[in-house]
């Protein structure tokens, strides 16, 4: 069953490759959606895919790549938008 989530990641998450590695992890898990930097220094993500894979992805967001320092992750479930691929915006 397909699930979707809107995720906001706070901490040192810009300028450390977070978007690139987020895209790589999403592709590895066969998720679609996007990741983008926000003006407040956070990273916003919308991701959708199989429930187990999405849960694994959300768990990964709590750490991110080794250069990142994630302080907080907020997410909410939402209806799938049927994205075709996962992209960096």
N, C-alpha and C. Protein backbone atom coordinates (compact mmCIF):
# COMPACT_ATOMS: atom_id res chain seq x y z
N UNK A 1 0.84 -1.19 0.00
CA UNK A 1 0.00 0.00 0.00
C UNK A 1 0.88 1.25 0.00
N UNK A 2 0.51 2.21 -0.81
CA UNK A 2 1.29 3.43 -0.95
C UNK A 2 0.92 4.44 0.13
N UNK A 3 1.99 5.04 0.74
CA UNK A 3 1.83 6.08 1.75
C UNK A 3 2.66 7.28 1.33
N UNK A 4 2.34 8.43 1.90
CA UNK A 4 3.11 9.64 1.62
C UNK A 4 3.30 10.44 2.89
N UNK A 5 4.40 11.19 2.94
CA UNK A 5 4.69 12.01 4.11
C UNK A 5 5.32 13.34 3.68
N UNK A 6 5.01 14.36 4.45
CA UNK A 6 5.69 15.66 4.33
C UNK A 6 6.62 15.73 5.53
N UNK A 7 7.91 15.93 5.26
CA UNK A 7 8.95 15.86 6.29
C UNK A 7 9.72 17.18 6.32
N UNK A 8 9.99 17.68 7.51
CA UNK A 8 10.80 18.88 7.69
C UNK A 8 11.97 18.49 8.59
N UNK A 9 13.19 18.77 8.13
CA UNK A 9 14.40 18.39 8.87
C UNK A 9 15.14 19.66 9.27
N UNK A 10 15.46 19.76 10.56
CA UNK A 10 16.12 20.94 11.11
C UNK A 10 17.50 20.57 11.66
N UNK A 11 18.39 21.53 11.66
CA UNK A 11 19.75 21.35 12.17
C UNK A 11 20.74 21.85 11.15
N UNK A 12 21.94 21.27 11.16
CA UNK A 12 22.92 21.62 10.13
C UNK A 12 22.67 20.68 8.95
N UNK A 13 21.74 21.08 8.09
CA UNK A 13 21.29 20.21 7.00
C UNK A 13 21.42 20.88 5.62
N UNK A 14 21.95 22.09 5.58
CA UNK A 14 22.22 22.74 4.30
C UNK A 14 23.72 22.90 4.16
N UNK A 15 24.22 22.72 2.93
CA UNK A 15 25.64 22.83 2.68
C UNK A 15 26.44 21.61 3.07
N UNK A 16 25.76 20.50 3.33
CA UNK A 16 26.44 19.26 3.75
C UNK A 16 26.05 18.08 2.86
N UNK A 17 25.45 18.34 1.71
CA UNK A 17 25.05 17.27 0.80
C UNK A 17 23.76 16.58 1.18
N UNK A 18 23.00 17.18 2.07
CA UNK A 18 21.78 16.52 2.56
C UNK A 18 20.80 16.21 1.42
N UNK A 19 20.58 17.17 0.53
CA UNK A 19 19.61 16.93 -0.56
C UNK A 19 20.08 15.82 -1.47
N UNK A 20 21.37 15.81 -1.82
CA UNK A 20 21.91 14.77 -2.70
C UNK A 20 21.73 13.39 -2.09
N UNK A 21 22.15 13.24 -0.83
CA UNK A 21 22.05 11.93 -0.18
C UNK A 21 20.60 11.53 0.11
N UNK A 22 19.74 12.51 0.32
CA UNK A 22 18.31 12.23 0.49
C UNK A 22 17.76 11.65 -0.81
N UNK A 23 18.13 12.26 -1.93
CA UNK A 23 17.67 11.74 -3.22
C UNK A 23 18.20 10.32 -3.45
N UNK A 24 19.47 10.08 -3.14
CA UNK A 24 20.04 8.75 -3.32
C UNK A 24 19.31 7.70 -2.47
N UNK A 25 19.02 8.06 -1.21
CA UNK A 25 18.32 7.12 -0.32
C UNK A 25 16.90 6.86 -0.83
N UNK A 26 16.22 7.91 -1.29
CA UNK A 26 14.87 7.75 -1.82
C UNK A 26 14.86 6.84 -3.05
N UNK A 27 15.82 7.03 -3.93
CA UNK A 27 15.90 6.18 -5.13
C UNK A 27 16.18 4.73 -4.73
N UNK A 28 17.09 4.55 -3.77
CA UNK A 28 17.41 3.21 -3.27
C UNK A 28 16.16 2.51 -2.73
N UNK A 29 15.27 3.28 -2.09
CA UNK A 29 14.06 2.72 -1.49
C UNK A 29 12.86 2.76 -2.44
N UNK A 30 13.10 3.20 -3.67
CA UNK A 30 12.04 3.27 -4.69
C UNK A 30 10.91 4.22 -4.29
N UNK A 31 11.30 5.37 -3.72
CA UNK A 31 10.34 6.40 -3.34
C UNK A 31 10.34 7.50 -4.39
N UNK A 32 9.25 8.22 -4.47
CA UNK A 32 9.18 9.38 -5.36
C UNK A 32 8.83 10.61 -4.53
N UNK A 33 9.05 11.80 -5.11
CA UNK A 33 8.78 13.04 -4.41
C UNK A 33 9.86 14.06 -4.68
N UNK A 34 10.18 14.85 -3.67
CA UNK A 34 11.22 15.86 -3.84
C UNK A 34 11.83 16.26 -2.50
N UNK A 35 12.99 16.92 -2.58
CA UNK A 35 13.66 17.51 -1.42
C UNK A 35 14.10 18.91 -1.83
N UNK A 36 13.98 19.86 -0.91
CA UNK A 36 14.42 21.22 -1.20
C UNK A 36 14.85 21.94 0.06
N UNK A 37 15.80 22.87 -0.10
CA UNK A 37 16.21 23.73 1.00
C UNK A 37 15.15 24.79 1.23
N UNK A 38 14.96 25.18 2.48
CA UNK A 38 14.02 26.24 2.83
C UNK A 38 14.81 27.44 3.35
N UNK A 39 14.20 28.61 3.28
CA UNK A 39 14.89 29.84 3.66
C UNK A 39 15.24 29.90 5.15
N UNK A 40 14.57 29.10 5.98
CA UNK A 40 14.87 29.10 7.42
C UNK A 40 16.04 28.17 7.79
N UNK A 41 16.69 27.58 6.78
CA UNK A 41 17.82 26.69 7.03
C UNK A 41 17.46 25.22 7.14
N UNK A 42 16.17 24.92 7.07
CA UNK A 42 15.74 23.52 7.15
C UNK A 42 15.67 22.92 5.74
N UNK A 43 15.35 21.64 5.70
CA UNK A 43 15.14 20.93 4.44
C UNK A 43 13.72 20.37 4.47
N UNK A 44 12.99 20.60 3.37
CA UNK A 44 11.63 20.08 3.23
C UNK A 44 11.64 18.91 2.26
N UNK A 45 10.87 17.88 2.61
CA UNK A 45 10.79 16.67 1.79
C UNK A 45 9.34 16.25 1.67
N UNK A 46 8.93 15.87 0.48
CA UNK A 46 7.68 15.13 0.29
C UNK A 46 8.10 13.81 -0.34
N UNK A 47 7.70 12.72 0.28
CA UNK A 47 8.09 11.40 -0.21
C UNK A 47 6.90 10.46 -0.16
N UNK A 48 6.86 9.55 -1.13
CA UNK A 48 5.78 8.57 -1.15
C UNK A 48 6.28 7.26 -1.74
N UNK A 49 5.65 6.19 -1.29
CA UNK A 49 6.00 4.86 -1.76
C UNK A 49 5.41 3.82 -0.84
N UNK A 50 5.95 2.61 -0.91
CA UNK A 50 5.45 1.53 -0.07
C UNK A 50 5.66 1.89 1.41
N UNK A 51 4.70 1.51 2.23
CA UNK A 51 4.69 1.91 3.64
C UNK A 51 5.99 1.56 4.36
N UNK A 52 6.50 0.33 4.20
CA UNK A 52 7.72 -0.09 4.89
C UNK A 52 8.91 0.76 4.46
N UNK A 53 9.00 1.03 3.17
CA UNK A 53 10.12 1.81 2.64
C UNK A 53 10.04 3.26 3.10
N UNK A 54 8.84 3.80 3.16
CA UNK A 54 8.67 5.18 3.62
C UNK A 54 9.05 5.28 5.09
N UNK A 55 8.67 4.31 5.90
CA UNK A 55 9.04 4.31 7.32
C UNK A 55 10.57 4.25 7.47
N UNK A 56 11.22 3.44 6.67
CA UNK A 56 12.69 3.34 6.71
C UNK A 56 13.32 4.68 6.32
N UNK A 57 12.74 5.34 5.32
CA UNK A 57 13.24 6.64 4.86
C UNK A 57 13.10 7.70 5.96
N UNK A 58 11.95 7.74 6.61
CA UNK A 58 11.74 8.71 7.70
C UNK A 58 12.76 8.46 8.81
N UNK A 59 13.00 7.20 9.13
CA UNK A 59 14.01 6.87 10.14
C UNK A 59 15.38 7.37 9.71
N UNK A 60 15.74 7.19 8.43
CA UNK A 60 17.03 7.66 7.91
C UNK A 60 17.14 9.18 8.04
N UNK A 61 16.06 9.92 7.84
CA UNK A 61 16.08 11.38 7.92
C UNK A 61 16.49 11.88 9.30
N UNK A 62 16.32 11.08 10.33
CA UNK A 62 16.71 11.49 11.68
C UNK A 62 18.24 11.58 11.83
N UNK A 63 18.99 11.00 10.89
CA UNK A 63 20.44 11.06 10.91
C UNK A 63 20.99 11.75 9.67
N UNK A 64 20.47 11.38 8.50
CA UNK A 64 20.97 11.93 7.25
C UNK A 64 22.39 11.50 6.98
N UNK A 65 23.09 12.20 6.06
CA UNK A 65 24.48 11.85 5.77
C UNK A 65 25.38 12.20 6.96
N UNK A 66 26.58 11.64 6.97
CA UNK A 66 27.47 11.79 8.13
C UNK A 66 27.86 13.23 8.43
N UNK A 67 27.85 14.13 7.44
CA UNK A 67 28.23 15.53 7.66
C UNK A 67 27.11 16.34 8.28
N UNK A 68 25.90 15.86 8.18
CA UNK A 68 24.75 16.60 8.72
C UNK A 68 24.66 16.43 10.23
N UNK A 69 24.03 17.39 10.87
CA UNK A 69 23.73 17.31 12.30
C UNK A 69 22.25 17.59 12.47
N UNK A 70 21.46 16.55 12.40
CA UNK A 70 20.01 16.69 12.49
C UNK A 70 19.62 16.93 13.94
N UNK A 71 18.88 18.00 14.18
CA UNK A 71 18.42 18.32 15.53
C UNK A 71 16.96 17.93 15.74
N UNK A 72 16.17 18.02 14.66
CA UNK A 72 14.74 17.72 14.81
C UNK A 72 14.16 17.31 13.46
N UNK A 73 13.23 16.37 13.50
CA UNK A 73 12.49 15.95 12.31
C UNK A 73 11.02 15.99 12.65
N UNK A 74 10.27 16.72 11.84
CA UNK A 74 8.81 16.75 11.97
C UNK A 74 8.24 16.16 10.69
N UNK A 75 7.21 15.34 10.85
CA UNK A 75 6.57 14.82 9.64
C UNK A 75 5.09 14.59 9.88
N UNK A 76 4.36 14.61 8.80
CA UNK A 76 2.94 14.31 8.85
C UNK A 76 2.59 13.48 7.62
N UNK A 77 1.66 12.58 7.81
CA UNK A 77 1.22 11.74 6.70
C UNK A 77 0.22 12.53 5.86
N UNK A 78 0.18 12.23 4.55
CA UNK A 78 -0.71 12.92 3.64
C UNK A 78 -1.09 11.98 2.51
N UNK A 79 -2.09 12.34 1.74
CA UNK A 79 -2.45 11.49 0.60
C UNK A 79 -1.34 11.54 -0.45
N UNK A 80 -1.08 10.43 -1.13
CA UNK A 80 -0.06 10.42 -2.19
C UNK A 80 -0.42 11.38 -3.33
N UNK A 81 0.61 12.04 -3.87
CA UNK A 81 0.44 12.93 -5.01
C UNK A 81 0.78 12.24 -6.32
N UNK A 82 1.25 11.00 -6.25
CA UNK A 82 1.64 10.23 -7.43
C UNK A 82 2.78 10.88 -8.21
N UNK A 83 3.84 11.25 -7.48
CA UNK A 83 5.05 11.74 -8.13
C UNK A 83 5.63 10.62 -9.00
N UNK A 84 6.31 11.01 -10.06
CA UNK A 84 6.89 10.03 -10.99
C UNK A 84 8.30 9.61 -10.54
N UNK A 85 9.08 10.57 -10.02
CA UNK A 85 10.46 10.31 -9.62
C UNK A 85 10.77 11.12 -8.37
N UNK A 86 11.99 10.98 -7.86
CA UNK A 86 12.41 11.78 -6.71
C UNK A 86 13.43 12.78 -7.21
N UNK A 87 13.15 14.07 -6.96
CA UNK A 87 14.03 15.10 -7.50
C UNK A 87 14.47 16.09 -6.45
N UNK A 88 15.57 16.76 -6.74
CA UNK A 88 16.06 17.87 -5.92
C UNK A 88 15.49 19.14 -6.51
N UNK A 89 14.93 19.97 -5.66
CA UNK A 89 14.39 21.27 -6.13
C UNK A 89 15.23 22.39 -5.58
